[in-house]
Amino acid sequence: MPNKQVAGKDWKHEVTVKKVEKALKVPDNVLDEVKGIKGKIYSQMKKEKVDCPVVGMERPFLACFVCPNFRSRIRGIVYCKGDPL
């Protein structure tokens, strides 16, 4: 259930990861932080996006992955702490 508030957990939002056909533009500072990720996983992650509840807009998943609010990702759902940036 996307964007669900959960009481008593260490996350506030559950955000669904969406796949796109073409790789999204990722900011250079994000690329510097994920330079250890290579190959097939990296190319798949570049073709994913999320509707960020904190920023209030769509973002590439890689930007979400390096965000301090990122808790975990399980089966296409990102668990977000939801703290202000």
PDB file of N, CA and C in Angstrom:
ATOM      1  N   MET A   1       0.837  -1.182   0.000  1.00  0.00           N
ATOM      2  CA  MET A   1       0.000   0.000   0.000  1.00  0.00           C
ATOM      3  C   MET A   1       0.879   1.242   0.000  1.00  0.00           C
ATOM      4  N   PRO A   2       0.998   1.935  -1.086  1.00  0.00           N
ATOM      5  CA  PRO A   2       1.877   3.084  -1.190  1.00  0.00           C
ATOM      6  C   PRO A   2       1.438   4.239  -0.292  1.00  0.00           C
ATOM      7  N   ASN A   3       2.448   4.999   0.172  1.00  0.00           N
ATOM      8  CA  ASN A   3       2.258   6.213   0.953  1.00  0.00           C
ATOM      9  C   ASN A   3       1.386   5.996   2.191  1.00  0.00           C
ATOM     10  N   LYS A   4       1.563   4.890   2.867  1.00  0.00           N
ATOM     11  CA  LYS A   4       0.772   4.544   4.050  1.00  0.00           C
ATOM     12  C   LYS A   4       1.534   4.946   5.309  1.00  0.00           C
ATOM     13  N   GLN A   5       0.850   5.588   6.240  1.00  0.00           N
ATOM     14  CA  GLN A   5       1.443   5.936   7.527  1.00  0.00           C
ATOM     15  C   GLN A   5       1.356   4.719   8.439  1.00  0.00           C
ATOM     16  N   VAL A   6       2.456   4.327   9.072  1.00  0.00           N
ATOM     17  CA  VAL A   6       2.476   3.167   9.941  1.00  0.00           C
ATOM     18  C   VAL A   6       2.941   3.613  11.321  1.00  0.00           C
ATOM     19  N   ALA A   7       2.116   3.399  12.339  1.00  0.00           N
ATOM     20  CA  ALA A   7       2.464   3.792  13.700  1.00  0.00           C
ATOM     21  C   ALA A   7       3.384   2.751  14.335  1.00  0.00           C
ATOM     22  N   GLY A   8       4.348   3.193  15.129  1.00  0.00           N
ATOM     23  CA  GLY A   8       5.226   2.288  15.844  1.00  0.00           C
ATOM     24  C   GLY A   8       6.351   1.688  15.014  1.00  0.00           C
ATOM     25  N   LYS A   9       6.545   2.102  13.806  1.00  0.00           N
ATOM     26  CA  LYS A   9       7.619   1.599  12.953  1.00  0.00           C
ATOM     27  C   LYS A   9       8.656   2.706  12.764  1.00  0.00           C
ATOM     28  N   ASP A  10       9.808   2.359  12.204  1.00  0.00           N
ATOM     29  CA  ASP A  10      10.829   3.364  11.974  1.00  0.00           C
ATOM     30  C   ASP A  10      10.739   3.970  10.575  1.00  0.00           C
ATOM     31  N   TRP A  11       9.596   3.821   9.931  1.00  0.00           N
ATOM     32  CA  TRP A  11       9.328   4.488   8.656  1.00  0.00           C
ATOM     33  C   TRP A  11       7.911   5.032   8.684  1.00  0.00           C
ATOM     34  N   LYS A  12       7.676   6.049   7.850  1.00  0.00           N
ATOM     35  CA  LYS A  12       6.352   6.668   7.774  1.00  0.00           C
ATOM     36  C   LYS A  12       5.642   6.365   6.473  1.00  0.00           C
ATOM     37  N   HIS A  13       6.405   6.147   5.415  1.00  0.00           N
ATOM     38  CA  HIS A  13       5.808   5.983   4.092  1.00  0.00           C
ATOM     39  C   HIS A  13       6.290   4.699   3.428  1.00  0.00           C
ATOM     40  N   GLU A  14       5.388   4.083   2.682  1.00  0.00           N
ATOM     41  CA  GLU A  14       5.728   2.968   1.805  1.00  0.00           C
ATOM     42  C   GLU A  14       5.479   3.456   0.388  1.00  0.00           C
ATOM     43  N   VAL A  15       6.535   3.524  -0.402  1.00  0.00           N
ATOM     44  CA  VAL A  15       6.464   4.100  -1.742  1.00  0.00           C
ATOM     45  C   VAL A  15       6.771   3.026  -2.773  1.00  0.00           C
ATOM     46  N   THR A  16       5.931   2.907  -3.786  1.00  0.00           N
ATOM     47  CA  THR A  16       6.115   1.918  -4.840  1.00  0.00           C
ATOM     48  C   THR A  16       7.154   2.394  -5.848  1.00  0.00           C
ATOM     49  N   VAL A  17       8.048   1.491  -6.213  1.00  0.00           N
ATOM     50  CA  VAL A  17       9.055   1.772  -7.238  1.00  0.00           C
ATOM     51  C   VAL A  17       8.425   1.482  -8.591  1.00  0.00           C
ATOM     52  N   LYS A  18       8.559   2.435  -9.525  1.00  0.00           N
ATOM     53  CA  LYS A  18       7.994   2.280 -10.870  1.00  0.00           C
ATOM     54  C   LYS A  18       9.120   2.148 -11.886  1.00  0.00           C
ATOM     55  N   LYS A  19       8.911   1.299 -12.857  1.00  0.00           N
ATOM     56  CA  LYS A  19       9.897   1.117 -13.928  1.00  0.00           C
ATOM     57  C   LYS A  19       9.566   2.049 -15.091  1.00  0.00           C
ATOM     58  N   VAL A  20      10.617   2.551 -15.747  1.00  0.00           N
ATOM     59  CA  VAL A  20      10.462   3.385 -16.930  1.00  0.00           C
ATOM     60  C   VAL A  20      11.298   2.780 -18.059  1.00  0.00           C
ATOM     61  N   GLU A  21      10.968   3.134 -19.294  1.00  0.00           N
ATOM     62  CA  GLU A  21      11.662   2.566 -20.458  1.00  0.00           C
ATOM     63  C   GLU A  21      13.087   3.103 -20.618  1.00  0.00           C
ATOM     64  N   LYS A  22      13.240   4.405 -20.450  1.00  0.00           N
ATOM     65  CA  LYS A  22      14.522   5.057 -20.683  1.00  0.00           C
ATOM     66  C   LYS A  22      15.137   5.479 -19.349  1.00  0.00           C
ATOM     67  N   ALA A  23      16.441   5.368 -19.251  1.00  0.00           N
ATOM     68  CA  ALA A  23      17.136   5.741 -18.020  1.00  0.00           C
ATOM     69  C   ALA A  23      16.894   7.219 -17.703  1.00  0.00           C
ATOM     70  N   LEU A  24      16.682   7.520 -16.433  1.00  0.00           N
ATOM     71  CA  LEU A  24      16.430   8.886 -15.989  1.00  0.00           C
ATOM     72  C   LEU A  24      17.741   9.615 -15.723  1.00  0.00           C
ATOM     73  N   LYS A  25      17.710  10.922 -15.831  1.00  0.00           N
ATOM     74  CA  LYS A  25      18.872  11.752 -15.521  1.00  0.00           C
ATOM     75  C   LYS A  25      19.064  11.768 -14.011  1.00  0.00           C
ATOM     76  N   VAL A  26      20.240  11.382 -13.586  1.00  0.00           N
ATOM     77  CA  VAL A  26      20.561  11.326 -12.164  1.00  0.00           C
ATOM     78  C   VAL A  26      21.576  12.423 -11.866  1.00  0.00           C
ATOM     79  N   PRO A  27      21.351  13.232 -10.820  1.00  0.00           N
ATOM     80  CA  PRO A  27      22.300  14.300 -10.480  1.00  0.00           C
ATOM     81  C   PRO A  27      23.709  13.762 -10.222  1.00  0.00           C
ATOM     82  N   ASP A  28      24.718  14.558 -10.550  1.00  0.00           N
ATOM     83  CA  ASP A  28      26.112  14.138 -10.413  1.00  0.00           C
ATOM     84  C   ASP A  28      26.485  13.782  -8.976  1.00  0.00           C
ATOM     85  N   ASN A  29      25.962  14.534  -7.993  1.00  0.00           N
ATOM     86  CA  ASN A  29      26.306  14.231  -6.601  1.00  0.00           C
ATOM     87  C   ASN A  29      25.780  12.856  -6.186  1.00  0.00           C
ATOM     88  N   VAL A  30      24.652  12.439  -6.743  1.00  0.00           N
ATOM     89  CA  VAL A  30      24.104  11.107  -6.465  1.00  0.00           C
ATOM     90  C   VAL A  30      24.991  10.045  -7.115  1.00  0.00           C
ATOM     91  N   LEU A  31      25.422  10.297  -8.330  1.00  0.00           N
ATOM     92  CA  LEU A  31      26.293   9.339  -9.024  1.00  0.00           C
ATOM     93  C   LEU A  31      27.591   9.124  -8.260  1.00  0.00           C
ATOM     94  N   ASP A  32      28.124  10.189  -7.644  1.00  0.00           N
ATOM     95  CA  ASP A  32      29.345  10.051  -6.850  1.00  0.00           C
ATOM     96  C   ASP A  32      29.126   9.127  -5.650  1.00  0.00           C
ATOM     97  N   GLU A  33      27.943   9.187  -5.042  1.00  0.00           N
ATOM     98  CA  GLU A  33      27.659   8.376  -3.861  1.00  0.00           C
ATOM     99  C   GLU A  33      27.419   6.909  -4.190  1.00  0.00           C
ATOM    100  N   VAL A  34      26.966   6.613  -5.404  1.00  0.00           N
ATOM    101  CA  VAL A  34      26.657   5.220  -5.773  1.00  0.00           C
ATOM    102  C   VAL A  34      27.686   4.636  -6.732  1.00  0.00           C
ATOM    103  N   LYS A  35      28.886   5.194  -6.777  1.00  0.00           N
ATOM    104  CA  LYS A  35      29.868   4.716  -7.747  1.00  0.00           C
ATOM    105  C   LYS A  35      30.336   3.292  -7.472  1.00  0.00           C
ATOM    106  N   GLY A  36      30.047   2.729  -6.302  1.00  0.00           N
ATOM    107  CA  GLY A  36      30.400   1.346  -6.011  1.00  0.00           C
ATOM    108  C   GLY A  36      29.455   0.343  -6.642  1.00  0.00           C
ATOM    109  N   ILE A  37      28.298   0.803  -7.075  1.00  0.00           N
ATOM    110  CA  ILE A  37      27.318  -0.080  -7.707  1.00  0.00           C
ATOM    111  C   ILE A  37      27.607  -0.111  -9.198  1.00  0.00           C
ATOM    112  N   LYS A  38      27.745  -1.300  -9.749  1.00  0.00           N
ATOM    113  CA  LYS A  38      28.073  -1.409 -11.170  1.00  0.00           C
ATOM    114  C   LYS A  38      27.236  -2.497 -11.821  1.00  0.00           C
ATOM    115  N   GLY A  39      27.272  -2.507 -13.127  1.00  0.00           N
ATOM    116  CA  GLY A  39      26.695  -3.590 -13.900  1.00  0.00           C
ATOM    117  C   GLY A  39      25.191  -3.544 -14.038  1.00  0.00           C
ATOM    118  N   LYS A  40      24.613  -4.739 -14.076  1.00  0.00           N
ATOM    119  CA  LYS A  40      23.203  -4.897 -14.379  1.00  0.00           C
ATOM    120  C   LYS A  40      22.308  -4.234 -13.313  1.00  0.00           C
ATOM    121  N   ILE A  41      22.676  -4.347 -12.065  1.00  0.00           N
ATOM    122  CA  ILE A  41      21.871  -3.744 -10.993  1.00  0.00           C
ATOM    123  C   ILE A  41      21.832  -2.232 -11.156  1.00  0.00           C
ATOM    124  N   TYR A  42      22.971  -1.637 -11.447  1.00  0.00           N
ATOM    125  CA  TYR A  42      23.050  -0.185 -11.630  1.00  0.00           C
ATOM    126  C   TYR A  42      22.197   0.268 -12.815  1.00  0.00           C
ATOM    127  N   SER A  43      22.268  -0.433 -13.923  1.00  0.00           N
ATOM    128  CA  SER A  43      21.491  -0.042 -15.099  1.00  0.00           C
ATOM    129  C   SER A  43      19.997  -0.214 -14.853  1.00  0.00           C
ATOM    130  N   GLN A  44      19.601  -1.213 -14.071  1.00  0.00           N
ATOM    131  CA  GLN A  44      18.189  -1.379 -13.720  1.00  0.00           C
ATOM    132  C   GLN A  44      17.725  -0.261 -12.797  1.00  0.00           C
ATOM    133  N   MET A  45      18.553   0.109 -11.836  1.00  0.00           N
ATOM    134  CA  MET A  45      18.188   1.166 -10.889  1.00  0.00           C
ATOM    135  C   MET A  45      18.035   2.521 -11.585  1.00  0.00           C
ATOM    136  N   LYS A  46      18.806   2.749 -12.651  1.00  0.00           N
ATOM    137  CA  LYS A  46      18.686   4.006 -13.395  1.00  0.00           C
ATOM    138  C   LYS A  46      17.358   4.095 -14.139  1.00  0.00           C
ATOM    139  N   LYS A  47      16.701   2.956 -14.360  1.00  0.00           N
ATOM    140  CA  LYS A  47      15.429   2.920 -15.074  1.00  0.00           C
ATOM    141  C   LYS A  47      14.248   2.787 -14.118  1.00  0.00           C
ATOM    142  N   GLU A  48      14.409   3.279 -12.894  1.00  0.00           N
ATOM    143  CA  GLU A  48      13.337   3.231 -11.904  1.00  0.00           C
ATOM    144  C   GLU A  48      13.120   4.606 -11.308  1.00  0.00           C
ATOM    145  N   LYS A  49      11.861   4.862 -10.896  1.00  0.00           N
ATOM    146  CA  LYS A  49      11.537   6.145 -10.279  1.00  0.00           C
ATOM    147  C   LYS A  49      10.575   5.909  -9.123  1.00  0.00           C
ATOM    148  N   VAL A  50      10.471   6.919  -8.260  1.00  0.00           N
ATOM    149  CA  VAL A  50       9.537   6.877  -7.132  1.00  0.00           C
ATOM    150  C   VAL A  50       8.834   8.229  -7.033  1.00  0.00           C
ATOM    151  N   ASP A  51       7.628   8.229  -6.470  1.00  0.00           N
ATOM    152  CA  ASP A  51       6.926   9.466  -6.153  1.00  0.00           C
ATOM    153  C   ASP A  51       7.282   9.808  -4.714  1.00  0.00           C
ATOM    154  N   CYS A  52       8.242  10.689  -4.526  1.00  0.00           N
ATOM    155  CA  CYS A  52       8.782  10.996  -3.207  1.00  0.00           C
ATOM    156  C   CYS A  52       7.763  11.767  -2.361  1.00  0.00           C
ATOM    157  N   PRO A  53       7.360  11.231  -1.191  1.00  0.00           N
ATOM    158  CA  PRO A  53       6.412  11.939  -0.341  1.00  0.00           C
ATOM    159  C   PRO A  53       7.050  13.108   0.404  1.00  0.00           C
ATOM    160  N   VAL A  54       8.362  13.111   0.561  1.00  0.00           N
ATOM    161  CA  VAL A  54       9.054  14.183   1.282  1.00  0.00           C
ATOM    162  C   VAL A  54       9.237  15.399   0.385  1.00  0.00           C
ATOM    163  N   VAL A  55       9.731  15.181  -0.818  1.00  0.00           N
ATOM    164  CA  VAL A  55       9.964  16.265  -1.772  1.00  0.00           C
ATOM    165  C   VAL A  55       8.674  16.657  -2.488  1.00  0.00           C
ATOM    166  N   GLY A  56       7.785  15.679  -2.669  1.00  0.00           N
ATOM    167  CA  GLY A  56       6.511  15.941  -3.319  1.00  0.00           C
ATOM    168  C   GLY A  56       6.566  15.898  -4.832  1.00  0.00           C
ATOM    169  N   MET A  57       7.521  15.138  -5.380  1.00  0.00           N
ATOM    170  CA  MET A  57       7.632  15.009  -6.833  1.00  0.00           C
ATOM    171  C   MET A  57       8.296  13.683  -7.179  1.00  0.00           C
ATOM    172  N   GLU A  58       8.277  13.347  -8.471  1.00  0.00           N
ATOM    173  CA  GLU A  58       8.948  12.130  -8.920  1.00  0.00           C
ATOM    174  C   GLU A  58      10.452  12.332  -8.886  1.00  0.00           C
ATOM    175  N   ARG A  59      11.158  11.273  -8.462  1.00  0.00           N
ATOM    176  CA  ARG A  59      12.624  11.298  -8.413  1.00  0.00           C
ATOM    177  C   ARG A  59      13.160   9.973  -8.939  1.00  0.00           C
ATOM    178  N   PRO A  60      14.370   9.970  -9.480  1.00  0.00           N
ATOM    179  CA  PRO A  60      14.993   8.695  -9.838  1.00  0.00           C
ATOM    180  C   PRO A  60      15.207   7.865  -8.570  1.00  0.00           C
ATOM    181  N   PHE A  61      15.090   6.555  -8.681  1.00  0.00           N
ATOM    182  CA  PHE A  61      15.274   5.717  -7.501  1.00  0.00           C
ATOM    183  C   PHE A  61      16.658   5.887  -6.898  1.00  0.00           C
ATOM    184  N   LEU A  62      17.674   6.109  -7.706  1.00  0.00           N
ATOM    185  CA  LEU A  62      19.027   6.279  -7.166  1.00  0.00           C
ATOM    186  C   LEU A  62      19.101   7.477  -6.217  1.00  0.00           C
ATOM    187  N   ALA A  63      18.359   8.549  -6.511  1.00  0.00           N
ATOM    188  CA  ALA A  63      18.321   9.704  -5.608  1.00  0.00           C
ATOM    189  C   ALA A  63      17.634   9.322  -4.301  1.00  0.00           C
ATOM    190  N   CYS A  64      16.622   8.502  -4.377  1.00  0.00           N
ATOM    191  CA  CYS A  64      15.931   7.996  -3.192  1.00  0.00           C
ATOM    192  C   CYS A  64      16.868   7.093  -2.382  1.00  0.00           C
ATOM    193  N   PHE A  65      17.637   6.279  -3.071  1.00  0.00           N
ATOM    194  CA  PHE A  65      18.521   5.311  -2.438  1.00  0.00           C
ATOM    195  C   PHE A  65      19.579   5.981  -1.569  1.00  0.00           C
ATOM    196  N   VAL A  66      20.083   7.136  -1.967  1.00  0.00           N
ATOM    197  CA  VAL A  66      21.114   7.830  -1.202  1.00  0.00           C
ATOM    198  C   VAL A  66      20.531   8.851  -0.218  1.00  0.00           C
ATOM    199  N   CYS A  67      19.227   9.018  -0.210  1.00  0.00           N
ATOM    200  CA  CYS A  67      18.557   9.957   0.688  1.00  0.00           C
ATOM    201  C   CYS A  67      18.681   9.483   2.139  1.00  0.00           C
ATOM    202  N   PRO A  68      18.864  10.406   3.090  1.00  0.00           N
ATOM    203  CA  PRO A  68      18.936   9.996   4.500  1.00  0.00           C
ATOM    204  C   PRO A  68      17.625   9.387   5.017  1.00  0.00           C
ATOM    205  N   ASN A  69      16.515   9.612   4.348  1.00  0.00           N
ATOM    206  CA  ASN A  69      15.233   9.046   4.749  1.00  0.00           C
ATOM    207  C   ASN A  69      15.030   7.614   4.266  1.00  0.00           C
ATOM    208  N   PHE A  70      15.883   7.137   3.376  1.00  0.00           N
ATOM    209  CA  PHE A  70      15.754   5.776   2.842  1.00  0.00           C
ATOM    210  C   PHE A  70      16.013   4.780   3.960  1.00  0.00           C
ATOM    211  N   ARG A  71      15.044   3.908   4.201  1.00  0.00           N
ATOM    212  CA  ARG A  71      15.171   2.877   5.236  1.00  0.00           C
ATOM    213  C   ARG A  71      15.548   1.547   4.606  1.00  0.00           C
ATOM    214  N   SER A  72      14.730   1.086   3.646  1.00  0.00           N
ATOM    215  CA  SER A  72      15.014  -0.160   2.948  1.00  0.00           C
ATOM    216  C   SER A  72      14.100  -0.273   1.732  1.00  0.00           C
ATOM    217  N   ARG A  73      14.407  -1.270   0.912  1.00  0.00           N
ATOM    218  CA  ARG A  73      13.570  -1.577  -0.242  1.00  0.00           C
ATOM    219  C   ARG A  73      13.352  -3.075  -0.266  1.00  0.00           C
ATOM    220  N   ILE A  74      12.086  -3.465  -0.255  1.00  0.00           N
ATOM    221  CA  ILE A  74      11.746  -4.884  -0.271  1.00  0.00           C
ATOM    222  C   ILE A  74      10.638  -5.091  -1.289  1.00  0.00           C
ATOM    223  N   ARG A  75      10.901  -5.948  -2.286  1.00  0.00           N
ATOM    224  CA  ARG A  75       9.925  -6.325  -3.311  1.00  0.00           C
ATOM    225  C   ARG A  75       9.248  -5.132  -3.968  1.00  0.00           C
ATOM    226  N   GLY A  76      10.025  -4.145  -4.369  1.00  0.00           N
ATOM    227  CA  GLY A  76       9.477  -3.018  -5.110  1.00  0.00           C
ATOM    228  C   GLY A  76       8.823  -1.948  -4.255  1.00  0.00           C
ATOM    229  N   ILE A  77       8.956  -2.035  -2.935  1.00  0.00           N
ATOM    230  CA  ILE A  77       8.421  -1.025  -2.025  1.00  0.00           C
ATOM    231  C   ILE A  77       9.588  -0.406  -1.263  1.00  0.00           C
ATOM    232  N   VAL A  78       9.657   0.936  -1.271  1.00  0.00           N
ATOM    233  CA  VAL A  78      10.674   1.662  -0.518  1.00  0.00           C
ATOM    234  C   VAL A  78      10.042   2.109   0.799  1.00  0.00           C
ATOM    235  N   TYR A  79      10.744   1.844   1.884  1.00  0.00           N
ATOM    236  CA  TYR A  79      10.309   2.288   3.205  1.00  0.00           C
ATOM    237  C   TYR A  79      11.063   3.566   3.535  1.00  0.00           C
ATOM    238  N   CYS A  80      10.311   4.662   3.703  1.00  0.00           N
ATOM    239  CA  CYS A  80      10.866   6.007   3.860  1.00  0.00           C
ATOM    240  C   CYS A  80      10.579   6.521   5.257  1.00  0.00           C
ATOM    241  N   LYS A  81      11.592   7.097   5.919  1.00  0.00           N
ATOM    242  CA  LYS A  81      11.404   7.665   7.259  1.00  0.00           C
ATOM    243  C   LYS A  81      10.489   8.870   7.242  1.00  0.00           C
ATOM    244  N   GLY A  82      10.512   9.649   6.167  1.00  0.00           N
ATOM    245  CA  GLY A  82       9.600  10.780   6.022  1.00  0.00           C
ATOM    246  C   GLY A  82      10.016  12.037   6.760  1.00  0.00           C
ATOM    247  N   ASP A  83      11.256  12.103   7.232  1.00  0.00           N
ATOM    248  CA  ASP A  83      11.729  13.306   7.925  1.00  0.00           C
ATOM    249  C   ASP A  83      11.971  14.425   6.915  1.00  0.00           C
ATOM    250  N   PRO A  84      11.780  15.693   7.328  1.00  0.00           N
ATOM    251  CA  PRO A  84      12.046  16.810   6.409  1.00  0.00           C
ATOM    252  C   PRO A  84      13.522  16.851   5.997  1.00  0.00           C
ATOM    253  N   LEU A  85      13.769  17.277   4.775  1.00  0.00           N
ATOM    254  CA  LEU A  85      15.160  17.365   4.280  1.00  0.00           C
ATOM    255  C   LEU A  85      15.693  18.763   4.462  1.00  0.00           C
TER     256      LEU A  85
END
